[in-house]
Amino acid sequence: MHFCLTGQYTPRALNAILENPTTDRQEAARKLVEAAGGKLISMFSVAADGPGVLVIFDVPDPSAAPAISGLTVTAGTLQNVKLTRLFTQDEIKQVRQNAAKLRSSYTPPGS
């Protein structure tokens, strides 16, 4: 399952990065995701809302994603973290097919 994690670096993390500006945060992210049985798809630095990151990763166990995001928060690395489940187009096709089957079972408000 694919997930997108976004967040801003904490002041403590930014100070540590400035002390060692060649630090490889992508490698740190890769190690964490791989330890959870997953694969790092991509990682970008972002400037919106303060220096931060956008990480896309794939993990077979959906409970691993909140564990990964929680660890980055409790370690003091990131704040304002958002974790979003991403769906492939094949997965969305299945969702749409399921919704079409269920449509007749649902009564909207006011009906």
N, C-alpha and C. Protein backbone atom coordinates (compact mmCIF):
# COMPACT_ATOMS: atom_id res chain seq x y z
N MET A 1 0.83 -1.17 0.00
CA MET A 1 0.00 0.00 0.00
C MET A 1 0.89 1.24 0.00
N HIS A 2 0.50 2.18 -0.82
CA HIS A 2 1.28 3.41 -0.96
C HIS A 2 0.76 4.49 0.00
N PHE A 3 1.71 5.23 0.56
CA PHE A 3 1.39 6.32 1.47
C PHE A 3 2.23 7.53 1.13
N CYS A 4 1.70 8.70 1.46
CA CYS A 4 2.42 9.96 1.34
C CYS A 4 2.50 10.58 2.73
N LEU A 5 3.70 10.85 3.18
CA LEU A 5 3.92 11.49 4.47
C LEU A 5 4.49 12.87 4.20
N THR A 6 3.87 13.88 4.79
CA THR A 6 4.42 15.23 4.71
C THR A 6 4.59 15.76 6.12
N GLY A 7 5.56 16.63 6.30
CA GLY A 7 5.78 17.24 7.61
C GLY A 7 6.88 18.27 7.53
N GLN A 8 6.97 19.06 8.59
CA GLN A 8 8.02 20.06 8.69
C GLN A 8 9.04 19.60 9.72
N TYR A 9 10.30 19.91 9.45
CA TYR A 9 11.34 19.60 10.41
C TYR A 9 11.15 20.43 11.67
N THR A 10 11.42 19.85 12.81
CA THR A 10 11.39 20.58 14.07
C THR A 10 12.63 21.48 14.14
N PRO A 11 12.60 22.52 14.97
CA PRO A 11 13.80 23.35 15.12
C PRO A 11 15.02 22.53 15.53
N ARG A 12 14.81 21.56 16.41
CA ARG A 12 15.94 20.69 16.83
C ARG A 12 16.54 19.94 15.64
N ALA A 13 15.66 19.39 14.79
CA ALA A 13 16.14 18.64 13.62
C ALA A 13 16.85 19.58 12.64
N LEU A 14 16.30 20.78 12.45
CA LEU A 14 16.94 21.75 11.54
C LEU A 14 18.32 22.14 12.03
N ASN A 15 18.46 22.34 13.33
CA ASN A 15 19.78 22.66 13.88
C ASN A 15 20.77 21.53 13.66
N ALA A 16 20.32 20.30 13.83
CA ALA A 16 21.19 19.14 13.61
C ALA A 16 21.60 19.05 12.13
N ILE A 17 20.66 19.33 11.24
CA ILE A 17 20.96 19.31 9.80
C ILE A 17 21.96 20.41 9.45
N LEU A 18 21.79 21.59 10.04
CA LEU A 18 22.72 22.70 9.77
C LEU A 18 24.12 22.41 10.30
N GLU A 19 24.21 21.66 11.39
CA GLU A 19 25.51 21.28 11.92
C GLU A 19 26.22 20.30 11.00
N ASN A 20 25.45 19.53 10.27
CA ASN A 20 26.00 18.56 9.32
C ASN A 20 25.19 18.65 8.03
N PRO A 21 25.43 19.69 7.20
CA PRO A 21 24.58 19.93 6.03
C PRO A 21 24.65 18.85 4.95
N THR A 22 25.59 17.95 5.02
CA THR A 22 25.66 16.88 4.02
C THR A 22 24.95 15.61 4.48
N THR A 23 24.26 15.70 5.62
CA THR A 23 23.54 14.52 6.12
C THR A 23 22.54 14.03 5.07
N ASP A 24 22.42 12.73 4.96
CA ASP A 24 21.55 12.12 3.95
C ASP A 24 20.24 11.67 4.59
N ARG A 25 19.26 12.56 4.62
CA ARG A 25 17.98 12.24 5.21
C ARG A 25 17.21 11.20 4.39
N GLN A 26 17.48 11.16 3.09
CA GLN A 26 16.81 10.16 2.25
C GLN A 26 17.25 8.76 2.64
N GLU A 27 18.52 8.59 2.95
CA GLU A 27 19.01 7.28 3.36
C GLU A 27 18.39 6.89 4.70
N ALA A 28 18.24 7.85 5.60
CA ALA A 28 17.60 7.57 6.89
C ALA A 28 16.14 7.14 6.68
N ALA A 29 15.45 7.82 5.77
CA ALA A 29 14.07 7.45 5.46
C ALA A 29 14.00 6.07 4.83
N ARG A 30 14.93 5.80 3.92
CA ARG A 30 14.96 4.49 3.25
C ARG A 30 15.14 3.36 4.28
N LYS A 31 16.07 3.55 5.21
CA LYS A 31 16.33 2.52 6.23
C LYS A 31 15.09 2.26 7.08
N LEU A 32 14.39 3.33 7.46
CA LEU A 32 13.19 3.18 8.29
C LEU A 32 12.09 2.43 7.53
N VAL A 33 11.84 2.83 6.30
CA VAL A 33 10.78 2.19 5.51
C VAL A 33 11.14 0.74 5.22
N GLU A 34 12.38 0.48 4.89
CA GLU A 34 12.80 -0.91 4.62
C GLU A 34 12.73 -1.77 5.87
N ALA A 35 13.02 -1.19 7.04
CA ALA A 35 12.91 -1.94 8.30
C ALA A 35 11.46 -2.35 8.56
N ALA A 36 10.53 -1.59 8.01
CA ALA A 36 9.10 -1.90 8.13
C ALA A 36 8.63 -2.84 7.02
N GLY A 37 9.57 -3.32 6.20
CA GLY A 37 9.22 -4.24 5.12
C GLY A 37 8.78 -3.55 3.85
N GLY A 38 9.00 -2.24 3.77
CA GLY A 38 8.53 -1.48 2.63
C GLY A 38 9.63 -1.00 1.71
N LYS A 39 9.23 -0.09 0.83
CA LYS A 39 10.15 0.47 -0.16
C LYS A 39 9.91 1.97 -0.25
N LEU A 40 11.00 2.73 -0.20
CA LEU A 40 10.92 4.17 -0.40
C LEU A 40 10.76 4.43 -1.89
N ILE A 41 9.69 5.11 -2.27
CA ILE A 41 9.43 5.41 -3.68
C ILE A 41 10.11 6.71 -4.07
N SER A 42 9.88 7.76 -3.28
CA SER A 42 10.53 9.05 -3.57
C SER A 42 10.48 9.92 -2.33
N MET A 43 11.37 10.90 -2.31
CA MET A 43 11.43 11.84 -1.20
C MET A 43 11.82 13.20 -1.75
N PHE A 44 11.08 14.22 -1.34
CA PHE A 44 11.33 15.58 -1.80
C PHE A 44 11.41 16.52 -0.61
N SER A 45 12.22 17.53 -0.73
CA SER A 45 12.22 18.62 0.25
C SER A 45 11.18 19.63 -0.20
N VAL A 46 10.49 20.22 0.78
CA VAL A 46 9.48 21.22 0.47
C VAL A 46 9.71 22.44 1.34
N ALA A 47 9.31 23.59 0.84
CA ALA A 47 9.49 24.84 1.58
C ALA A 47 8.18 25.37 2.13
N ALA A 48 7.05 24.82 1.71
CA ALA A 48 5.75 25.29 2.18
C ALA A 48 5.62 25.06 3.68
N ASP A 49 5.14 26.06 4.40
CA ASP A 49 4.92 25.97 5.85
C ASP A 49 6.19 25.67 6.63
N GLY A 50 7.33 26.02 6.09
CA GLY A 50 8.61 25.78 6.76
C GLY A 50 9.35 24.64 6.11
N PRO A 51 10.64 24.53 6.36
CA PRO A 51 11.41 23.45 5.74
C PRO A 51 10.84 22.08 6.13
N GLY A 52 10.57 21.27 5.12
CA GLY A 52 9.98 19.98 5.40
C GLY A 52 10.24 18.97 4.31
N VAL A 53 9.47 17.90 4.38
CA VAL A 53 9.64 16.79 3.45
C VAL A 53 8.29 16.28 2.96
N LEU A 54 8.34 15.62 1.82
CA LEU A 54 7.24 14.86 1.26
C LEU A 54 7.84 13.51 0.88
N VAL A 55 7.34 12.45 1.50
CA VAL A 55 7.89 11.12 1.29
C VAL A 55 6.79 10.20 0.79
N ILE A 56 7.05 9.49 -0.29
CA ILE A 56 6.11 8.49 -0.80
C ILE A 56 6.76 7.13 -0.62
N PHE A 57 6.01 6.23 0.03
CA PHE A 57 6.56 4.91 0.29
C PHE A 57 5.48 3.85 0.16
N ASP A 58 5.93 2.62 0.01
CA ASP A 58 5.03 1.47 -0.16
C ASP A 58 5.34 0.48 0.95
N VAL A 59 4.32 0.08 1.70
CA VAL A 59 4.48 -0.94 2.73
C VAL A 59 3.38 -1.98 2.58
N PRO A 60 3.72 -3.26 2.80
CA PRO A 60 2.71 -4.31 2.65
C PRO A 60 1.69 -4.32 3.78
N ASP A 61 2.10 -3.88 4.97
CA ASP A 61 1.22 -3.87 6.14
C ASP A 61 0.78 -2.44 6.41
N PRO A 62 -0.53 -2.15 6.28
CA PRO A 62 -0.98 -0.76 6.46
C PRO A 62 -0.70 -0.20 7.85
N SER A 63 -0.54 -1.04 8.86
CA SER A 63 -0.24 -0.53 10.20
C SER A 63 1.18 -0.02 10.31
N ALA A 64 2.03 -0.36 9.36
CA ALA A 64 3.41 0.12 9.38
C ALA A 64 3.48 1.63 9.08
N ALA A 65 2.57 2.13 8.28
CA ALA A 65 2.62 3.55 7.89
C ALA A 65 2.44 4.49 9.09
N PRO A 66 1.41 4.31 9.94
CA PRO A 66 1.32 5.19 11.10
C PRO A 66 2.46 4.96 12.10
N ALA A 67 3.02 3.76 12.13
CA ALA A 67 4.17 3.51 13.00
C ALA A 67 5.36 4.34 12.52
N ILE A 68 5.55 4.39 11.21
CA ILE A 68 6.64 5.18 10.64
C ILE A 68 6.44 6.66 10.93
N SER A 69 5.25 7.17 10.68
CA SER A 69 5.01 8.60 10.91
C SER A 69 5.10 8.93 12.39
N GLY A 70 4.57 8.07 13.23
CA GLY A 70 4.64 8.30 14.67
C GLY A 70 6.06 8.33 15.19
N LEU A 71 6.89 7.47 14.65
CA LEU A 71 8.29 7.43 15.07
C LEU A 71 9.02 8.72 14.71
N THR A 72 8.73 9.27 13.54
CA THR A 72 9.39 10.53 13.16
C THR A 72 8.97 11.68 14.07
N VAL A 73 7.74 11.61 14.58
CA VAL A 73 7.27 12.66 15.51
C VAL A 73 7.88 12.45 16.89
N THR A 74 7.81 11.24 17.42
CA THR A 74 8.31 10.99 18.77
C THR A 74 9.83 11.13 18.86
N ALA A 75 10.52 10.94 17.74
CA ALA A 75 11.98 11.13 17.73
C ALA A 75 12.35 12.61 17.68
N GLY A 76 11.34 13.47 17.47
CA GLY A 76 11.60 14.90 17.43
C GLY A 76 12.09 15.40 16.09
N THR A 77 11.90 14.61 15.04
CA THR A 77 12.37 15.00 13.71
C THR A 77 11.36 15.86 12.98
N LEU A 78 10.09 15.45 12.99
CA LEU A 78 9.06 16.15 12.22
C LEU A 78 7.91 16.60 13.12
N GLN A 79 7.24 17.64 12.65
CA GLN A 79 6.02 18.13 13.28
C GLN A 79 5.00 18.41 12.19
N ASN A 80 3.76 18.59 12.58
CA ASN A 80 2.68 18.84 11.62
C ASN A 80 2.64 17.77 10.53
N VAL A 81 2.77 16.54 10.95
CA VAL A 81 2.83 15.42 10.01
C VAL A 81 1.43 15.07 9.52
N LYS A 82 1.35 14.79 8.23
CA LYS A 82 0.12 14.30 7.61
C LYS A 82 0.47 13.01 6.88
N LEU A 83 -0.35 12.00 7.09
CA LEU A 83 -0.15 10.71 6.44
C LEU A 83 -1.38 10.43 5.59
N THR A 84 -1.17 10.20 4.32
CA THR A 84 -2.26 9.98 3.38
C THR A 84 -2.07 8.65 2.66
N ARG A 85 -3.12 7.85 2.66
CA ARG A 85 -3.10 6.60 1.89
C ARG A 85 -3.29 6.96 0.43
N LEU A 86 -2.41 6.46 -0.42
CA LEU A 86 -2.52 6.69 -1.86
C LEU A 86 -3.06 5.43 -2.52
N PHE A 87 -3.86 5.61 -3.55
CA PHE A 87 -4.44 4.48 -4.26
C PHE A 87 -3.94 4.45 -5.69
N THR A 88 -3.53 3.29 -6.15
CA THR A 88 -3.15 3.14 -7.56
C THR A 88 -4.41 3.22 -8.40
N GLN A 89 -4.27 3.40 -9.67
CA GLN A 89 -5.44 3.45 -10.55
C GLN A 89 -6.17 2.12 -10.58
N ASP A 90 -5.45 1.01 -10.46
CA ASP A 90 -6.11 -0.30 -10.39
C ASP A 90 -6.93 -0.42 -9.11
N GLU A 91 -6.40 0.10 -7.99
CA GLU A 91 -7.14 0.06 -6.73
C GLU A 91 -8.39 0.93 -6.82
N ILE A 92 -8.28 2.08 -7.43
CA ILE A 92 -9.43 2.98 -7.57
C ILE A 92 -10.50 2.33 -8.46
N LYS A 93 -10.07 1.62 -9.47
CA LYS A 93 -11.02 0.91 -10.33
C LYS A 93 -11.84 -0.08 -9.49
N GLN A 94 -11.17 -0.79 -8.59
CA GLN A 94 -11.86 -1.74 -7.71
C GLN A 94 -12.81 -1.00 -6.76
N VAL A 95 -12.37 0.13 -6.23
CA VAL A 95 -13.22 0.94 -5.35
C VAL A 95 -14.49 1.36 -6.09
N ARG A 96 -14.32 1.82 -7.32
CA ARG A 96 -15.48 2.27 -8.11
C ARG A 96 -16.44 1.11 -8.39
N GLN A 97 -15.88 -0.06 -8.68
CA GLN A 97 -16.71 -1.22 -8.93
C GLN A 97 -17.49 -1.61 -7.68
N ASN A 98 -16.83 -1.54 -6.52
CA ASN A 98 -17.50 -1.84 -5.26
C ASN A 98 -18.60 -0.82 -4.97
N ALA A 99 -18.31 0.45 -5.22
CA ALA A 99 -19.31 1.49 -4.99
C ALA A 99 -20.53 1.29 -5.89
N ALA A 100 -20.30 0.90 -7.13
CA ALA A 100 -21.41 0.67 -8.06
C ALA A 100 -22.30 -0.47 -7.55
N LYS A 101 -21.69 -1.53 -6.99
CA LYS A 101 -22.46 -2.65 -6.45
C LYS A 101 -23.27 -2.24 -5.22
N LEU A 102 -22.72 -1.36 -4.42
CA LEU A 102 -23.37 -0.96 -3.17
C LEU A 102 -24.39 0.16 -3.34
N ARG A 103 -24.36 0.82 -4.46
CA ARG A 103 -25.19 2.02 -4.69
C ARG A 103 -26.66 1.81 -4.32
N SER A 104 -27.24 0.71 -4.71
CA SER A 104 -28.68 0.47 -4.47
C SER A 104 -28.99 0.21 -2.99
N SER A 105 -27.98 -0.06 -2.18
CA SER A 105 -28.18 -0.33 -0.75
C SER A 105 -28.19 0.93 0.10
N TYR A 106 -27.84 2.05 -0.46
CA TYR A 106 -27.68 3.29 0.31
C TYR A 106 -28.85 4.23 0.08
N THR A 107 -29.34 4.79 1.19
CA THR A 107 -30.40 5.78 1.12
C THR A 107 -29.83 7.11 1.59
N PRO A 108 -29.72 8.10 0.69
CA PRO A 108 -29.17 9.40 1.10
C PRO A 108 -30.14 10.18 1.99
N PRO A 109 -29.62 11.15 2.74
CA PRO A 109 -30.51 11.95 3.59
C PRO A 109 -31.61 12.61 2.77
N GLY A 110 -32.80 12.68 3.35
CA GLY A 110 -33.92 13.33 2.68
C GLY A 110 -34.64 12.44 1.69
N SER A 111 -34.27 11.21 1.57
CA SER A 111 -34.92 10.31 0.61
C SER A 111 -35.87 9.36 1.30
